[in-house]
Amino acid sequence: MVFSQGGSHFKTICSRCNNTVLGTDYDPALRDVVHQIERYFTLASRSRLSLPRTQRFDYQPNRFLRAVAGHLLAANGVPDVLSIDPVAPLDAALRRYVLDPTQCLPEQLCVYYWFYPHRRRVVMKHSVMGFLRFVGGNNETIYGHVFKFFPFGFWVSASRRPSAIRRAREA
């Protein structure tokens, strides 16, 4: 990873994927949503106006999600990309999704998201969260990648929703 004025840069994807697939096809959708939300919060913090508690933003969900997935795929160390080891199934599924605009998000993938009000960027590849039996779970885990940047946090998971989360949502 290289730190630069524009943020973090990973030199792990080809120029076509970086410039055309991400830069031209998908990143504008991600950038537009981020700018809309930044404008909303800037207005809310600098104005005496009372803004609505709920705000709708126009966006292109397929391009938006493909941009997030593409940046997760790009966020690898160079040794990981040059390795002859087999590609992790999560990365293989994300790669097919990003590179083929006709493909739907694979059924085995779940994307969780939340508001992330911090400027620090975080990328955690191959992360696991566990649910222990004594705290309402049944020793299940969620495996995936975490990607956080203002104003979003994402957990892209390769596993179906564990029963602990299902029970919490149904309650």
N, C-alpha and C. Protein backbone atom coordinates (compact mmCIF):
# COMPACT_ATOMS: atom_id res chain seq x y z
N MET A 1 0.85 -1.17 0.00
CA MET A 1 0.00 0.00 0.00
C MET A 1 0.90 1.23 0.00
N VAL A 2 0.49 2.23 -0.73
CA VAL A 2 1.22 3.49 -0.82
C VAL A 2 0.31 4.59 -0.30
N PHE A 3 0.81 5.41 0.64
CA PHE A 3 0.02 6.53 1.13
C PHE A 3 0.32 7.74 0.25
N SER A 4 -0.72 8.43 -0.15
CA SER A 4 -0.54 9.59 -1.00
C SER A 4 -1.54 10.65 -0.60
N GLN A 5 -1.47 11.80 -1.25
CA GLN A 5 -2.38 12.90 -0.93
C GLN A 5 -3.84 12.50 -1.12
N GLY A 6 -4.12 11.69 -2.11
CA GLY A 6 -5.49 11.30 -2.41
C GLY A 6 -5.99 10.16 -1.56
N GLY A 7 -5.21 9.66 -0.61
CA GLY A 7 -5.63 8.55 0.22
C GLY A 7 -4.71 7.37 0.04
N SER A 8 -5.23 6.18 0.26
CA SER A 8 -4.44 4.96 0.14
C SER A 8 -4.52 4.45 -1.29
N HIS A 9 -3.41 3.97 -1.79
CA HIS A 9 -3.37 3.43 -3.14
C HIS A 9 -2.72 2.06 -3.09
N PHE A 10 -3.33 1.10 -3.74
CA PHE A 10 -2.80 -0.25 -3.81
C PHE A 10 -2.42 -0.52 -5.26
N LYS A 11 -1.22 -0.99 -5.48
CA LYS A 11 -0.77 -1.26 -6.84
C LYS A 11 -0.96 -2.75 -7.12
N THR A 12 -2.21 -3.20 -7.10
CA THR A 12 -2.47 -4.63 -7.22
C THR A 12 -3.47 -4.99 -8.29
N ILE A 13 -3.98 -4.02 -9.04
CA ILE A 13 -4.91 -4.35 -10.12
C ILE A 13 -4.39 -3.73 -11.41
N CYS A 14 -4.80 -4.30 -12.52
CA CYS A 14 -4.32 -3.81 -13.82
C CYS A 14 -4.91 -2.43 -14.12
N SER A 15 -4.30 -1.76 -15.08
CA SER A 15 -4.74 -0.39 -15.39
C SER A 15 -6.16 -0.39 -15.96
N ARG A 16 -6.57 -1.43 -16.72
CA ARG A 16 -7.94 -1.48 -17.25
C ARG A 16 -8.94 -1.55 -16.10
N CYS A 17 -8.69 -2.42 -15.13
CA CYS A 17 -9.62 -2.54 -14.00
C CYS A 17 -9.63 -1.26 -13.17
N ASN A 18 -8.46 -0.67 -12.96
CA ASN A 18 -8.37 0.54 -12.16
C ASN A 18 -9.00 1.74 -12.86
N ASN A 19 -8.67 1.94 -14.12
CA ASN A 19 -9.10 3.15 -14.83
C ASN A 19 -10.48 3.02 -15.45
N THR A 20 -10.79 1.88 -16.04
CA THR A 20 -12.06 1.73 -16.75
C THR A 20 -13.13 1.14 -15.86
N VAL A 21 -12.89 -0.06 -15.34
CA VAL A 21 -13.92 -0.75 -14.56
C VAL A 21 -14.27 0.06 -13.32
N LEU A 22 -13.26 0.38 -12.50
CA LEU A 22 -13.56 1.16 -11.29
C LEU A 22 -13.69 2.65 -11.62
N GLY A 23 -12.67 3.22 -12.21
CA GLY A 23 -12.62 4.67 -12.40
C GLY A 23 -13.73 5.25 -13.25
N THR A 24 -14.08 4.58 -14.34
CA THR A 24 -15.08 5.13 -15.26
C THR A 24 -16.47 4.54 -15.03
N ASP A 25 -16.54 3.23 -14.85
CA ASP A 25 -17.85 2.57 -14.77
C ASP A 25 -18.51 2.67 -13.39
N TYR A 26 -17.75 2.46 -12.32
CA TYR A 26 -18.38 2.31 -11.01
C TYR A 26 -18.10 3.43 -10.01
N ASP A 27 -16.89 3.96 -9.98
CA ASP A 27 -16.56 4.98 -8.98
C ASP A 27 -17.44 6.23 -9.02
N PRO A 28 -17.87 6.71 -10.20
CA PRO A 28 -18.73 7.90 -10.18
C PRO A 28 -20.01 7.70 -9.35
N ALA A 29 -20.57 6.50 -9.35
CA ALA A 29 -21.78 6.24 -8.55
C ALA A 29 -21.46 6.31 -7.06
N LEU A 30 -20.32 5.78 -6.66
CA LEU A 30 -19.90 5.84 -5.27
C LEU A 30 -19.58 7.28 -4.87
N ARG A 31 -18.83 7.97 -5.71
CA ARG A 31 -18.46 9.36 -5.43
C ARG A 31 -19.69 10.26 -5.29
N ASP A 32 -20.69 10.07 -6.16
CA ASP A 32 -21.89 10.91 -6.10
C ASP A 32 -22.63 10.76 -4.78
N VAL A 33 -22.76 9.54 -4.29
CA VAL A 33 -23.46 9.32 -3.01
C VAL A 33 -22.66 9.94 -1.87
N VAL A 34 -21.36 9.71 -1.86
CA VAL A 34 -20.52 10.28 -0.80
C VAL A 34 -20.63 11.80 -0.80
N HIS A 35 -20.60 12.43 -1.97
CA HIS A 35 -20.70 13.89 -2.03
C HIS A 35 -22.08 14.37 -1.58
N GLN A 36 -23.14 13.67 -1.94
CA GLN A 36 -24.48 14.06 -1.47
C GLN A 36 -24.55 14.03 0.06
N ILE A 37 -24.01 12.99 0.65
CA ILE A 37 -24.05 12.85 2.11
C ILE A 37 -23.16 13.89 2.77
N GLU A 38 -21.98 14.13 2.21
CA GLU A 38 -21.11 15.18 2.75
C GLU A 38 -21.79 16.55 2.72
N ARG A 39 -22.45 16.86 1.60
CA ARG A 39 -23.17 18.14 1.51
C ARG A 39 -24.28 18.23 2.56
N TYR A 40 -25.00 17.14 2.76
CA TYR A 40 -26.07 17.12 3.74
C TYR A 40 -25.52 17.40 5.14
N PHE A 41 -24.44 16.72 5.53
CA PHE A 41 -23.89 16.92 6.87
C PHE A 41 -23.21 18.28 7.02
N THR A 42 -22.62 18.78 5.97
CA THR A 42 -22.03 20.12 6.02
C THR A 42 -23.13 21.15 6.24
N LEU A 43 -24.21 21.03 5.50
CA LEU A 43 -25.34 21.94 5.67
C LEU A 43 -25.93 21.82 7.07
N ALA A 44 -26.07 20.60 7.54
CA ALA A 44 -26.66 20.38 8.87
C ALA A 44 -25.79 20.96 9.98
N SER A 45 -24.48 20.90 9.82
CA SER A 45 -23.59 21.37 10.89
C SER A 45 -23.36 22.88 10.84
N ARG A 46 -23.55 23.51 9.68
CA ARG A 46 -23.26 24.94 9.55
C ARG A 46 -24.51 25.81 9.47
N SER A 47 -25.65 25.21 9.57
CA SER A 47 -26.87 25.96 9.37
C SER A 47 -27.72 25.94 10.64
N ARG A 48 -28.54 26.93 10.75
CA ARG A 48 -29.50 26.96 11.85
C ARG A 48 -30.82 26.33 11.43
N LEU A 49 -30.85 25.86 10.19
CA LEU A 49 -32.07 25.21 9.70
C LEU A 49 -32.27 23.86 10.39
N SER A 50 -33.50 23.52 10.55
CA SER A 50 -33.81 22.20 11.09
C SER A 50 -34.04 21.26 9.90
N LEU A 51 -33.12 20.34 9.71
CA LEU A 51 -33.21 19.41 8.59
C LEU A 51 -34.02 18.18 8.99
N PRO A 52 -34.66 17.55 8.03
CA PRO A 52 -35.47 16.36 8.36
C PRO A 52 -34.59 15.24 8.91
N ARG A 53 -35.18 14.43 9.80
CA ARG A 53 -34.45 13.30 10.38
C ARG A 53 -34.17 12.23 9.33
N THR A 54 -35.02 12.14 8.33
CA THR A 54 -34.83 11.17 7.27
C THR A 54 -34.51 11.91 5.99
N GLN A 55 -33.49 11.46 5.31
CA GLN A 55 -33.08 12.09 4.06
C GLN A 55 -32.88 10.99 3.02
N ARG A 56 -33.42 11.19 1.85
CA ARG A 56 -33.24 10.23 0.76
C ARG A 56 -32.17 10.74 -0.18
N PHE A 57 -31.37 9.81 -0.68
CA PHE A 57 -30.31 10.14 -1.62
C PHE A 57 -30.50 9.30 -2.87
N ASP A 58 -30.37 9.93 -4.00
CA ASP A 58 -30.44 9.20 -5.27
C ASP A 58 -29.11 8.52 -5.52
N TYR A 59 -29.17 7.26 -5.94
CA TYR A 59 -27.94 6.57 -6.27
C TYR A 59 -28.23 5.38 -7.17
N GLN A 60 -27.17 4.81 -7.72
CA GLN A 60 -27.26 3.64 -8.58
C GLN A 60 -26.73 2.45 -7.79
N PRO A 61 -27.61 1.65 -7.19
CA PRO A 61 -27.17 0.62 -6.25
C PRO A 61 -26.21 -0.41 -6.84
N ASN A 62 -26.44 -0.85 -8.08
CA ASN A 62 -25.53 -1.86 -8.65
C ASN A 62 -24.13 -1.30 -8.85
N ARG A 63 -24.03 -0.12 -9.41
CA ARG A 63 -22.71 0.48 -9.63
C ARG A 63 -22.05 0.83 -8.29
N PHE A 64 -22.84 1.32 -7.37
CA PHE A 64 -22.34 1.67 -6.04
C PHE A 64 -21.72 0.45 -5.37
N LEU A 65 -22.46 -0.66 -5.33
CA LEU A 65 -21.96 -1.86 -4.67
C LEU A 65 -20.77 -2.47 -5.42
N ARG A 66 -20.78 -2.40 -6.74
CA ARG A 66 -19.64 -2.92 -7.51
C ARG A 66 -18.39 -2.09 -7.24
N ALA A 67 -18.54 -0.79 -7.04
CA ALA A 67 -17.39 0.06 -6.70
C ALA A 67 -16.82 -0.35 -5.35
N VAL A 68 -17.68 -0.56 -4.36
CA VAL A 68 -17.22 -0.99 -3.04
C VAL A 68 -16.49 -2.33 -3.16
N ALA A 69 -17.09 -3.29 -3.86
CA ALA A 69 -16.47 -4.60 -4.03
C ALA A 69 -15.15 -4.49 -4.78
N GLY A 70 -15.09 -3.65 -5.80
CA GLY A 70 -13.86 -3.47 -6.56
C GLY A 70 -12.74 -2.90 -5.70
N HIS A 71 -13.05 -1.96 -4.83
CA HIS A 71 -12.03 -1.40 -3.96
C HIS A 71 -11.58 -2.42 -2.92
N LEU A 72 -12.49 -3.25 -2.46
CA LEU A 72 -12.09 -4.33 -1.55
C LEU A 72 -11.14 -5.30 -2.24
N LEU A 73 -11.43 -5.63 -3.49
CA LEU A 73 -10.54 -6.53 -4.23
C LEU A 73 -9.17 -5.90 -4.47
N ALA A 74 -9.14 -4.60 -4.71
CA ALA A 74 -7.87 -3.92 -4.97
C ALA A 74 -7.02 -3.79 -3.71
N ALA A 75 -7.65 -3.83 -2.54
CA ALA A 75 -6.94 -3.61 -1.28
C ALA A 75 -6.23 -4.88 -0.82
N ASN A 76 -5.26 -5.31 -1.59
CA ASN A 76 -4.43 -6.46 -1.25
C ASN A 76 -2.98 -6.02 -1.24
N GLY A 77 -2.18 -6.73 -0.46
CA GLY A 77 -0.74 -6.52 -0.55
C GLY A 77 -0.24 -7.16 -1.84
N VAL A 78 0.79 -6.61 -2.42
CA VAL A 78 1.33 -7.15 -3.66
C VAL A 78 1.71 -8.62 -3.53
N PRO A 79 2.34 -9.08 -2.43
CA PRO A 79 2.65 -10.51 -2.32
C PRO A 79 1.39 -11.39 -2.39
N ASP A 80 0.27 -10.91 -1.86
CA ASP A 80 -0.97 -11.69 -1.91
C ASP A 80 -1.45 -11.87 -3.34
N VAL A 81 -1.29 -10.86 -4.17
CA VAL A 81 -1.75 -10.91 -5.54
C VAL A 81 -0.83 -11.78 -6.39
N LEU A 82 0.47 -11.75 -6.10
CA LEU A 82 1.43 -12.52 -6.88
C LEU A 82 1.55 -13.97 -6.43
N SER A 83 0.93 -14.30 -5.32
CA SER A 83 1.01 -15.65 -4.78
C SER A 83 0.33 -16.65 -5.71
N ILE A 84 0.81 -17.89 -5.69
CA ILE A 84 0.20 -18.93 -6.52
C ILE A 84 -0.88 -19.69 -5.75
N ASP A 85 -1.14 -19.26 -4.54
CA ASP A 85 -2.20 -19.90 -3.75
C ASP A 85 -3.55 -19.68 -4.42
N PRO A 86 -4.48 -20.59 -4.22
CA PRO A 86 -5.81 -20.39 -4.81
C PRO A 86 -6.47 -19.14 -4.23
N VAL A 87 -7.28 -18.49 -5.04
CA VAL A 87 -8.00 -17.29 -4.61
C VAL A 87 -9.08 -17.70 -3.62
N ALA A 88 -9.25 -16.90 -2.56
CA ALA A 88 -10.29 -17.16 -1.58
C ALA A 88 -11.65 -17.14 -2.28
N PRO A 89 -12.57 -18.05 -1.91
CA PRO A 89 -13.89 -18.08 -2.57
C PRO A 89 -14.63 -16.74 -2.52
N LEU A 90 -14.50 -15.99 -1.43
CA LEU A 90 -15.15 -14.68 -1.34
C LEU A 90 -14.59 -13.75 -2.42
N ASP A 91 -13.27 -13.71 -2.55
CA ASP A 91 -12.66 -12.83 -3.56
C ASP A 91 -13.03 -13.28 -4.97
N ALA A 92 -13.08 -14.59 -5.21
CA ALA A 92 -13.45 -15.09 -6.54
C ALA A 92 -14.88 -14.67 -6.89
N ALA A 93 -15.80 -14.78 -5.93
CA ALA A 93 -17.20 -14.39 -6.17
C ALA A 93 -17.30 -12.89 -6.41
N LEU A 94 -16.58 -12.09 -5.61
CA LEU A 94 -16.59 -10.64 -5.80
C LEU A 94 -15.99 -10.25 -7.15
N ARG A 95 -14.92 -10.93 -7.54
CA ARG A 95 -14.28 -10.63 -8.82
C ARG A 95 -15.25 -10.87 -9.98
N ARG A 96 -15.95 -12.00 -9.95
CA ARG A 96 -16.93 -12.27 -11.02
C ARG A 96 -18.02 -11.20 -11.03
N TYR A 97 -18.48 -10.81 -9.86
CA TYR A 97 -19.53 -9.80 -9.74
C TYR A 97 -19.07 -8.45 -10.29
N VAL A 98 -17.87 -8.04 -9.97
CA VAL A 98 -17.36 -6.73 -10.41
C VAL A 98 -17.07 -6.73 -11.91
N LEU A 99 -16.49 -7.79 -12.41
CA LEU A 99 -16.05 -7.80 -13.81
C LEU A 99 -17.17 -8.09 -14.81
N ASP A 100 -18.28 -8.66 -14.35
CA ASP A 100 -19.39 -8.97 -15.25
C ASP A 100 -20.61 -8.15 -14.84
N PRO A 101 -20.87 -7.01 -15.51
CA PRO A 101 -21.97 -6.13 -15.11
C PRO A 101 -23.35 -6.76 -15.26
N THR A 102 -23.46 -7.90 -15.92
CA THR A 102 -24.76 -8.57 -16.06
C THR A 102 -25.05 -9.50 -14.89
N GLN A 103 -24.04 -9.77 -14.07
CA GLN A 103 -24.20 -10.72 -12.97
C GLN A 103 -24.79 -10.05 -11.73
N CYS A 104 -25.70 -10.75 -11.06
CA CYS A 104 -26.26 -10.27 -9.79
C CYS A 104 -25.28 -10.57 -8.67
N LEU A 105 -25.48 -9.91 -7.55
CA LEU A 105 -24.67 -10.22 -6.38
C LEU A 105 -24.88 -11.69 -6.05
N PRO A 106 -23.80 -12.47 -5.92
CA PRO A 106 -23.96 -13.90 -5.63
C PRO A 106 -24.81 -14.14 -4.39
N GLU A 107 -25.64 -15.14 -4.46
CA GLU A 107 -26.60 -15.42 -3.40
C GLU A 107 -25.94 -15.72 -2.06
N GLN A 108 -24.73 -16.29 -2.09
CA GLN A 108 -24.07 -16.65 -0.84
C GLN A 108 -23.43 -15.44 -0.15
N LEU A 109 -23.45 -14.28 -0.80
CA LEU A 109 -22.85 -13.09 -0.19
C LEU A 109 -23.90 -12.22 0.48
N CYS A 110 -23.52 -11.65 1.60
CA CYS A 110 -24.36 -10.67 2.30
C CYS A 110 -23.53 -9.40 2.45
N VAL A 111 -24.18 -8.26 2.31
CA VAL A 111 -23.50 -6.99 2.51
C VAL A 111 -24.22 -6.25 3.63
N TYR A 112 -23.50 -6.00 4.71
CA TYR A 112 -24.02 -5.23 5.83
C TYR A 112 -23.40 -3.83 5.73
N TYR A 113 -24.13 -2.81 6.09
CA TYR A 113 -23.59 -1.45 6.02
C TYR A 113 -24.12 -0.63 7.17
N TRP A 114 -23.40 0.42 7.50
CA TRP A 114 -23.78 1.31 8.59
C TRP A 114 -23.15 2.67 8.35
N PHE A 115 -23.62 3.64 9.09
CA PHE A 115 -23.06 4.99 9.02
C PHE A 115 -21.73 4.98 9.76
N TYR A 116 -20.70 5.50 9.14
CA TYR A 116 -19.36 5.57 9.71
C TYR A 116 -18.92 7.04 9.69
N PRO A 117 -19.04 7.75 10.81
CA PRO A 117 -18.82 9.20 10.82
C PRO A 117 -17.37 9.64 10.99
N HIS A 118 -16.41 8.81 10.60
CA HIS A 118 -15.00 9.13 10.82
C HIS A 118 -14.27 9.28 9.48
N ARG A 119 -13.18 10.04 9.49
CA ARG A 119 -12.39 10.25 8.28
C ARG A 119 -11.35 9.15 8.07
N ARG A 120 -11.04 8.41 9.08
CA ARG A 120 -10.04 7.34 8.96
C ARG A 120 -10.58 6.21 8.11
N ARG A 121 -9.80 5.76 7.16
CA ARG A 121 -10.19 4.62 6.31
C ARG A 121 -9.67 3.34 6.93
N VAL A 122 -10.50 2.31 6.87
CA VAL A 122 -10.13 1.02 7.43
C VAL A 122 -10.46 -0.07 6.42
N VAL A 123 -9.50 -0.95 6.16
CA VAL A 123 -9.73 -2.12 5.33
C VAL A 123 -9.23 -3.31 6.12
N MET A 124 -10.12 -4.25 6.39
CA MET A 124 -9.75 -5.49 7.08
C MET A 124 -10.17 -6.65 6.20
N LYS A 125 -9.21 -7.25 5.55
CA LYS A 125 -9.49 -8.38 4.69
C LYS A 125 -9.51 -9.66 5.53
N HIS A 126 -10.36 -10.59 5.16
CA HIS A 126 -10.44 -11.92 5.77
C HIS A 126 -10.64 -11.82 7.29
N SER A 127 -11.71 -11.14 7.68
CA SER A 127 -12.05 -10.95 9.09
C SER A 127 -13.12 -11.95 9.49
N VAL A 128 -13.13 -12.28 10.77
CA VAL A 128 -14.13 -13.23 11.28
C VAL A 128 -14.73 -12.64 12.55
N MET A 129 -16.05 -12.74 12.67
CA MET A 129 -16.73 -12.36 13.90
C MET A 129 -17.44 -13.61 14.41
N GLY A 130 -17.29 -13.89 15.67
CA GLY A 130 -17.90 -15.09 16.23
C GLY A 130 -19.03 -14.78 17.18
N PHE A 131 -19.94 -15.73 17.30
CA PHE A 131 -21.07 -15.64 18.22
C PHE A 131 -20.95 -16.81 19.18
N LEU A 132 -20.58 -16.53 20.41
CA LEU A 132 -20.37 -17.59 21.38
C LEU A 132 -21.70 -18.09 21.94
N ARG A 133 -21.71 -19.34 22.30
CA ARG A 133 -22.93 -19.98 22.80
C ARG A 133 -23.47 -19.27 24.04
N PHE A 134 -22.62 -18.85 24.96
CA PHE A 134 -23.11 -18.28 26.21
C PHE A 134 -23.60 -16.85 26.09
N VAL A 135 -23.52 -16.22 24.93
CA VAL A 135 -24.08 -14.87 24.76
C VAL A 135 -25.18 -14.86 23.70
N GLY A 136 -25.88 -15.96 23.56
CA GLY A 136 -27.03 -15.99 22.66
C GLY A 136 -26.74 -16.57 21.29
N GLY A 137 -25.51 -16.96 21.05
CA GLY A 137 -25.18 -17.54 19.75
C GLY A 137 -25.04 -19.04 19.85
N ASN A 138 -24.58 -19.65 18.82
CA ASN A 138 -24.35 -21.09 18.87
C ASN A 138 -23.02 -21.42 18.20
N ASN A 139 -21.99 -20.66 18.59
CA ASN A 139 -20.62 -20.86 18.09
C ASN A 139 -20.53 -20.72 16.58
N GLU A 140 -21.31 -19.82 16.01
CA GLU A 140 -21.23 -19.55 14.58
C GLU A 140 -20.27 -18.40 14.32
N THR A 141 -19.82 -18.29 13.10
CA THR A 141 -18.94 -17.19 12.72
C THR A 141 -19.42 -16.58 11.41
N ILE A 142 -19.03 -15.32 11.22
CA ILE A 142 -19.25 -14.64 9.94
C ILE A 142 -17.85 -14.30 9.42
N TYR A 143 -17.55 -14.73 8.22
CA TYR A 143 -16.27 -14.44 7.57
C TYR A 143 -16.51 -13.41 6.48
N GLY A 144 -15.61 -12.46 6.34
CA GLY A 144 -15.76 -11.49 5.26
C GLY A 144 -14.70 -10.41 5.30
N HIS A 145 -14.96 -9.36 4.55
CA HIS A 145 -14.06 -8.21 4.47
C HIS A 145 -14.79 -6.99 5.02
N VAL A 146 -14.07 -6.16 5.75
CA VAL A 146 -14.61 -4.91 6.29
C VAL A 146 -13.93 -3.75 5.58
N PHE A 147 -14.72 -2.77 5.21
CA PHE A 147 -14.22 -1.59 4.50
C PHE A 147 -14.97 -0.39 5.06
N LYS A 148 -14.23 0.56 5.67
CA LYS A 148 -14.88 1.73 6.26
C LYS A 148 -14.22 3.00 5.75
N PHE A 149 -15.05 3.94 5.36
CA PHE A 149 -14.60 5.27 4.94
C PHE A 149 -15.81 6.17 5.11
N PHE A 150 -15.59 7.46 5.40
CA PHE A 150 -16.73 8.35 5.58
C PHE A 150 -17.54 8.39 4.29
N PRO A 151 -18.83 8.17 4.37
CA PRO A 151 -19.72 8.03 5.51
C PRO A 151 -20.23 6.61 5.74
N PHE A 152 -19.54 5.59 5.18
CA PHE A 152 -20.06 4.23 5.25
C PHE A 152 -19.05 3.25 5.86
N GLY A 153 -19.62 2.24 6.49
CA GLY A 153 -18.86 1.05 6.84
C GLY A 153 -19.56 -0.12 6.17
N PHE A 154 -18.78 -1.06 5.66
CA PHE A 154 -19.34 -2.24 4.98
C PHE A 154 -18.70 -3.50 5.53
N TRP A 155 -19.49 -4.54 5.65
CA TRP A 155 -18.99 -5.88 5.93
C TRP A 155 -19.54 -6.74 4.82
N VAL A 156 -18.67 -7.21 3.94
CA VAL A 156 -19.08 -8.09 2.85
C VAL A 156 -18.76 -9.49 3.32
N SER A 157 -19.78 -10.29 3.49
CA SER A 157 -19.65 -11.59 4.11
C SER A 157 -19.90 -12.72 3.12
N ALA A 158 -19.13 -13.78 3.28
CA ALA A 158 -19.28 -14.95 2.41
C ALA A 158 -20.22 -15.97 3.00
N SER A 159 -20.72 -15.72 4.18
CA SER A 159 -21.59 -16.71 4.80
C SER A 159 -23.00 -16.18 4.93
N ARG A 160 -23.91 -17.08 4.97
CA ARG A 160 -25.30 -16.68 5.20
C ARG A 160 -25.41 -16.09 6.59
N ARG A 161 -26.48 -15.38 6.84
CA ARG A 161 -26.67 -14.75 8.12
C ARG A 161 -26.78 -15.81 9.21
N PRO A 162 -25.90 -15.78 10.21
CA PRO A 162 -25.98 -16.76 11.29
C PRO A 162 -27.27 -16.62 12.08
N SER A 163 -27.65 -17.68 12.75
CA SER A 163 -28.92 -17.70 13.48
C SER A 163 -28.95 -16.65 14.58
N ALA A 164 -27.79 -16.30 15.17
CA ALA A 164 -27.77 -15.28 16.22
C ALA A 164 -28.24 -13.93 15.68
N ILE A 165 -27.80 -13.57 14.48
CA ILE A 165 -28.25 -12.31 13.87
C ILE A 165 -29.70 -12.43 13.45
N ARG A 166 -30.08 -13.57 12.91
CA ARG A 166 -31.46 -13.78 12.48
C ARG A 166 -32.41 -13.61 13.67
N ARG A 167 -32.05 -14.22 14.80
CA ARG A 167 -32.90 -14.12 16.01
C ARG A 167 -32.98 -12.67 16.49
N ALA A 168 -31.87 -11.94 16.46
CA ALA A 168 -31.87 -10.55 16.91
C ALA A 168 -32.74 -9.70 16.01
N ARG A 169 -32.71 -9.94 14.70
CA ARG A 169 -33.54 -9.16 13.78
C ARG A 169 -35.02 -9.49 13.92
N GLU A 170 -35.32 -10.74 14.26
CA GLU A 170 -36.73 -11.14 14.36
C GLU A 170 -37.34 -10.69 15.68
N ALA A 171 -36.50 -10.40 16.67
CA ALA A 171 -37.01 -10.00 17.99
C ALA A 171 -37.54 -8.57 17.98
